[in-house]
Amino acid sequence: MNVTCLFHPSTYLNKILIGTTDGSLELWNIKTKKMIYRFVGWGSSVSCIEQSTVVDVVAIGLVNGTIKIHNLKLDKTLISFSQETCVTALSFRTDNSKPLLLASGGTNGRVSLWDLEKRALFY
C-alpha cells in the first residue's frame, strides 16, 4: 500500500486524510503522528479527494473511474457516480446556486458535471 494523495478536511484540526493504492483512506492526526481511523475503501486506487460545501462530506475519485461522495464522520457513501477513465480532478460548485454540481476530470481530457440532487450526469 502506497500513498496516492493527501487532503486536509475542512474543520478537522491537525488531521489529514491519506488516499492509498489499495483504495483505502486513513485519517491521521499530524500532531500526535497517529492514525485515528481507517476507511476500508472501494478496491481501486484513490486518485483525488475534494471537500464539499458540507462539513464532513468529501468527493473521492478513484483510478477505475468511480466517484464517491462520502460522509467521513459516519463513514457512509452517500452517492456514487462512474465515468469512463481515471478521475484526475474534482470540484464542487460553491456559489449555492441550483443545481448543486460536482465537476470531474478524467485522463481522456473530458470534464463531466454531475447533478448531486438528481444523482445523474448533468453535462
C-alpha atoms as a PDB file:
ATOM      1  CA  MET A   1       0.000   0.000   0.000  1.00  0.00           C
ATOM      2  CA  ASN A   2       1.387   3.383  -1.060  1.00  0.00           C
ATOM      3  CA  VAL A   3       0.125   6.925  -0.577  1.00  0.00           C
ATOM      4  CA  THR A   4      -1.556   8.372  -3.690  1.00  0.00           C
ATOM      5  CA  CYS A   5      -2.900  11.680  -2.337  1.00  0.00           C
ATOM      6  CA  LEU A   6      -3.159  13.825   0.780  1.00  0.00           C
ATOM      7  CA  PHE A   7      -6.030  16.032   1.866  1.00  0.00           C
ATOM      8  CA  HIS A   8      -6.855  18.280   4.845  1.00  0.00           C
ATOM      9  CA  PRO A   9     -10.597  18.061   5.606  1.00  0.00           C
ATOM     10  CA  SER A  10     -12.196  21.394   6.461  1.00  0.00           C
ATOM     11  CA  THR A  11     -12.612  21.929  10.243  1.00  0.00           C
ATOM     12  CA  TYR A  12     -10.523  18.821  11.079  1.00  0.00           C
ATOM     13  CA  LEU A  13      -7.834  20.387  13.282  1.00  0.00           C
ATOM     14  CA  ASN A  14      -4.404  18.720  12.904  1.00  0.00           C
ATOM     15  CA  LYS A  15      -5.843  15.994  10.665  1.00  0.00           C
ATOM     16  CA  ILE A  16      -5.019  14.753   7.176  1.00  0.00           C
ATOM     17  CA  LEU A  17      -6.762  12.192   5.042  1.00  0.00           C
ATOM     18  CA  ILE A  18      -4.476   9.890   3.069  1.00  0.00           C
ATOM     19  CA  GLY A  19      -5.598   8.077  -0.087  1.00  0.00           C
ATOM     20  CA  THR A  20      -3.830   4.809  -0.943  1.00  0.00           C
ATOM     21  CA  THR A  21      -3.159   2.432  -3.823  1.00  0.00           C
ATOM     22  CA  ASP A  22      -5.409  -0.248  -2.298  1.00  0.00           C
ATOM     23  CA  GLY A  23      -8.366   2.179  -2.251  1.00  0.00           C
ATOM     24  CA  SER A  24      -8.469   2.716   1.483  1.00  0.00           C
ATOM     25  CA  LEU A  25      -8.342   6.064   3.263  1.00  0.00           C
ATOM     26  CA  GLU A  26      -6.569   6.804   6.522  1.00  0.00           C
ATOM     27  CA  LEU A  27      -7.311   9.718   8.841  1.00  0.00           C
ATOM     28  CA  TRP A  28      -4.175  10.798  10.711  1.00  0.00           C
ATOM     29  CA  ASN A  29      -3.544  13.279  13.499  1.00  0.00           C
ATOM     30  CA  ILE A  30      -0.371  15.043  12.371  1.00  0.00           C
ATOM     31  CA  LYS A  31       0.270  16.467  15.838  1.00  0.00           C
ATOM     32  CA  THR A  32       0.290  13.077  17.599  1.00  0.00           C
ATOM     33  CA  LYS A  33       1.538  11.203  14.492  1.00  0.00           C
ATOM     34  CA  LYS A  34      -1.139   8.529  14.981  1.00  0.00           C
ATOM     35  CA  MET A  35      -3.734   7.046  12.688  1.00  0.00           C
ATOM     36  CA  ILE A  36      -7.206   7.796  14.038  1.00  0.00           C
ATOM     37  CA  TYR A  37      -9.340   5.804  11.604  1.00  0.00           C
ATOM     38  CA  ARG A  38      -9.034   3.604   8.529  1.00  0.00           C
ATOM     39  CA  PHE A  39     -11.796   3.716   5.916  1.00  0.00           C
ATOM     40  CA  VAL A  40     -11.999   0.328   4.170  1.00  0.00           C
ATOM     41  CA  GLY A  41     -12.267   1.845   0.700  1.00  0.00           C
ATOM     42  CA  TRP A  42     -13.565   0.673  -2.650  1.00  0.00           C
ATOM     43  CA  GLY A  43     -10.964  -1.652  -4.161  1.00  0.00           C
ATOM     44  CA  SER A  44      -9.438   0.859  -6.570  1.00  0.00           C
ATOM     45  CA  SER A  45      -6.582   3.277  -6.011  1.00  0.00           C
ATOM     46  CA  VAL A  46      -7.600   6.733  -4.752  1.00  0.00           C
ATOM     47  CA  SER A  47      -6.616   9.399  -7.283  1.00  0.00           C
ATOM     48  CA  CYS A  48      -8.032  12.588  -5.694  1.00  0.00           C
ATOM     49  CA  ILE A  49     -10.103  13.954  -2.813  1.00  0.00           C
ATOM     50  CA  GLU A  50     -12.097  17.206  -2.680  1.00  0.00           C
ATOM     51  CA  GLN A  51     -14.001  18.965   0.129  1.00  0.00           C
ATOM     52  CA  SER A  52     -17.707  19.548  -0.451  1.00  0.00           C
ATOM     53  CA  THR A  53     -19.570  22.583   0.826  1.00  0.00           C
ATOM     54  CA  VAL A  54     -20.912  20.381   3.639  1.00  0.00           C
ATOM     55  CA  VAL A  55     -18.741  19.676   6.696  1.00  0.00           C
ATOM     56  CA  ASP A  56     -17.614  16.019   6.928  1.00  0.00           C
ATOM     57  CA  VAL A  57     -18.508  15.320   3.270  1.00  0.00           C
ATOM     58  CA  VAL A  58     -15.874  14.794   0.566  1.00  0.00           C
ATOM     59  CA  ALA A  59     -15.730  13.558  -3.002  1.00  0.00           C
ATOM     60  CA  ILE A  60     -13.260  10.759  -3.666  1.00  0.00           C
ATOM     61  CA  GLY A  61     -12.007   9.971  -7.161  1.00  0.00           C
ATOM     62  CA  LEU A  62     -10.736   6.506  -8.000  1.00  0.00           C
ATOM     63  CA  VAL A  63      -8.453   5.183 -10.723  1.00  0.00           C
ATOM     64  CA  ASN A  64     -11.244   2.920 -12.064  1.00  0.00           C
ATOM     65  CA  GLY A  65     -13.407   5.997 -12.840  1.00  0.00           C
ATOM     66  CA  THR A  66     -15.652   5.774  -9.785  1.00  0.00           C
ATOM     67  CA  ILE A  67     -16.547   8.892  -7.794  1.00  0.00           C
ATOM     68  CA  LYS A  68     -17.794   8.530  -4.229  1.00  0.00           C
ATOM     69  CA  ILE A  69     -19.490  11.267  -2.201  1.00  0.00           C
ATOM     70  CA  HIS A  70     -18.648  10.128   1.316  1.00  0.00           C
ATOM     71  CA  ASN A  71     -19.528  11.309   4.821  1.00  0.00           C
ATOM     72  CA  LEU A  72     -16.313  10.954   6.841  1.00  0.00           C
ATOM     73  CA  LYS A  73     -17.978  11.278  10.239  1.00  0.00           C
ATOM     74  CA  LEU A  74     -20.478   8.497   9.526  1.00  0.00           C
ATOM     75  CA  ASP A  75     -18.150   6.500   7.212  1.00  0.00           C
ATOM     76  CA  LYS A  76     -21.017   6.249   4.757  1.00  0.00           C
ATOM     77  CA  THR A  77     -21.083   6.656   0.981  1.00  0.00           C
ATOM     78  CA  LEU A  78     -23.945   8.978   0.072  1.00  0.00           C
ATOM     79  CA  ILE A  79     -23.725   8.977  -3.747  1.00  0.00           C
ATOM     80  CA  SER A  80     -21.726   7.093  -6.385  1.00  0.00           C
ATOM     81  CA  PHE A  81     -21.006   8.116  -9.968  1.00  0.00           C
ATOM     82  CA  SER A  82     -18.942   6.453 -12.659  1.00  0.00           C
ATOM     83  CA  GLN A  83     -17.018   7.850 -15.622  1.00  0.00           C
ATOM     84  CA  GLU A  84     -15.054   6.100 -18.374  1.00  0.00           C
ATOM     85  CA  THR A  85     -11.498   6.843 -17.178  1.00  0.00           C
ATOM     86  CA  CYS A  86      -9.419   7.542 -14.087  1.00  0.00           C
ATOM     87  CA  VAL A  87     -10.697  10.518 -12.082  1.00  0.00           C
ATOM     88  CA  THR A  88      -7.975  13.186 -12.190  1.00  0.00           C
ATOM     89  CA  ALA A  89      -9.780  16.157 -10.620  1.00  0.00           C
ATOM     90  CA  LEU A  90     -12.910  17.018  -8.640  1.00  0.00           C
ATOM     91  CA  SER A  91     -14.523  20.350  -7.769  1.00  0.00           C
ATOM     92  CA  PHE A  92     -17.842  21.239  -6.165  1.00  0.00           C
ATOM     93  CA  ARG A  93     -19.943  24.215  -7.212  1.00  0.00           C
ATOM     94  CA  THR A  94     -19.612  26.645  -4.302  1.00  0.00           C
ATOM     95  CA  ASP A  95     -21.960  29.534  -5.155  1.00  0.00           C
ATOM     96  CA  ASN A  96     -25.027  27.880  -3.545  1.00  0.00           C
ATOM     97  CA  SER A  97     -26.944  28.104  -6.833  1.00  0.00           C
ATOM     98  CA  LYS A  98     -29.092  25.322  -8.234  1.00  0.00           C
ATOM     99  CA  PRO A  99     -28.447  22.751  -9.467  1.00  0.00           C
ATOM    100  CA  LEU A 100     -25.841  21.534  -6.978  1.00  0.00           C
ATOM    101  CA  LEU A 101     -22.987  20.304  -9.158  1.00  0.00           C
ATOM    102  CA  LEU A 102     -19.750  18.354  -8.958  1.00  0.00           C
ATOM    103  CA  ALA A 103     -17.251  18.639 -11.807  1.00  0.00           C
ATOM    104  CA  SER A 104     -14.917  15.739 -12.552  1.00  0.00           C
ATOM    105  CA  GLY A 105     -11.991  15.424 -14.911  1.00  0.00           C
ATOM    106  CA  GLY A 106     -10.583  12.281 -16.457  1.00  0.00           C
ATOM    107  CA  THR A 107      -7.498  11.022 -18.256  1.00  0.00           C
ATOM    108  CA  ASN A 108      -9.448  11.186 -21.526  1.00  0.00           C
ATOM    109  CA  GLY A 109      -9.482  15.008 -21.272  1.00  0.00           C
ATOM    110  CA  ARG A 110     -13.216  15.245 -20.603  1.00  0.00           C
ATOM    111  CA  VAL A 111     -14.894  17.282 -17.895  1.00  0.00           C
ATOM    112  CA  SER A 112     -18.223  15.962 -16.606  1.00  0.00           C
ATOM    113  CA  LEU A 113     -20.769  17.808 -14.484  1.00  0.00           C
ATOM    114  CA  TRP A 114     -22.801  15.732 -12.033  1.00  0.00           C
ATOM    115  CA  ASP A 115     -26.155  16.862 -10.598  1.00  0.00           C
ATOM    116  CA  LEU A 116     -25.985  15.970  -6.897  1.00  0.00           C
ATOM    117  CA  GLU A 117     -29.728  16.255  -6.296  1.00  0.00           C
ATOM    118  CA  LYS A 118     -30.776  14.108  -9.266  1.00  0.00           C
ATOM    119  CA  ARG A 119     -27.718  11.847  -8.787  1.00  0.00           C
ATOM    120  CA  ALA A 120     -27.109  11.858 -12.527  1.00  0.00           C
ATOM    121  CA  LEU A 121     -24.877  13.286 -15.248  1.00  0.00           C
ATOM    122  CA  PHE A 122     -25.806  16.933 -15.860  1.00  0.00           C
ATOM    123  CA  TYR A 123     -23.471  17.598 -18.795  1.00  0.00           C
END
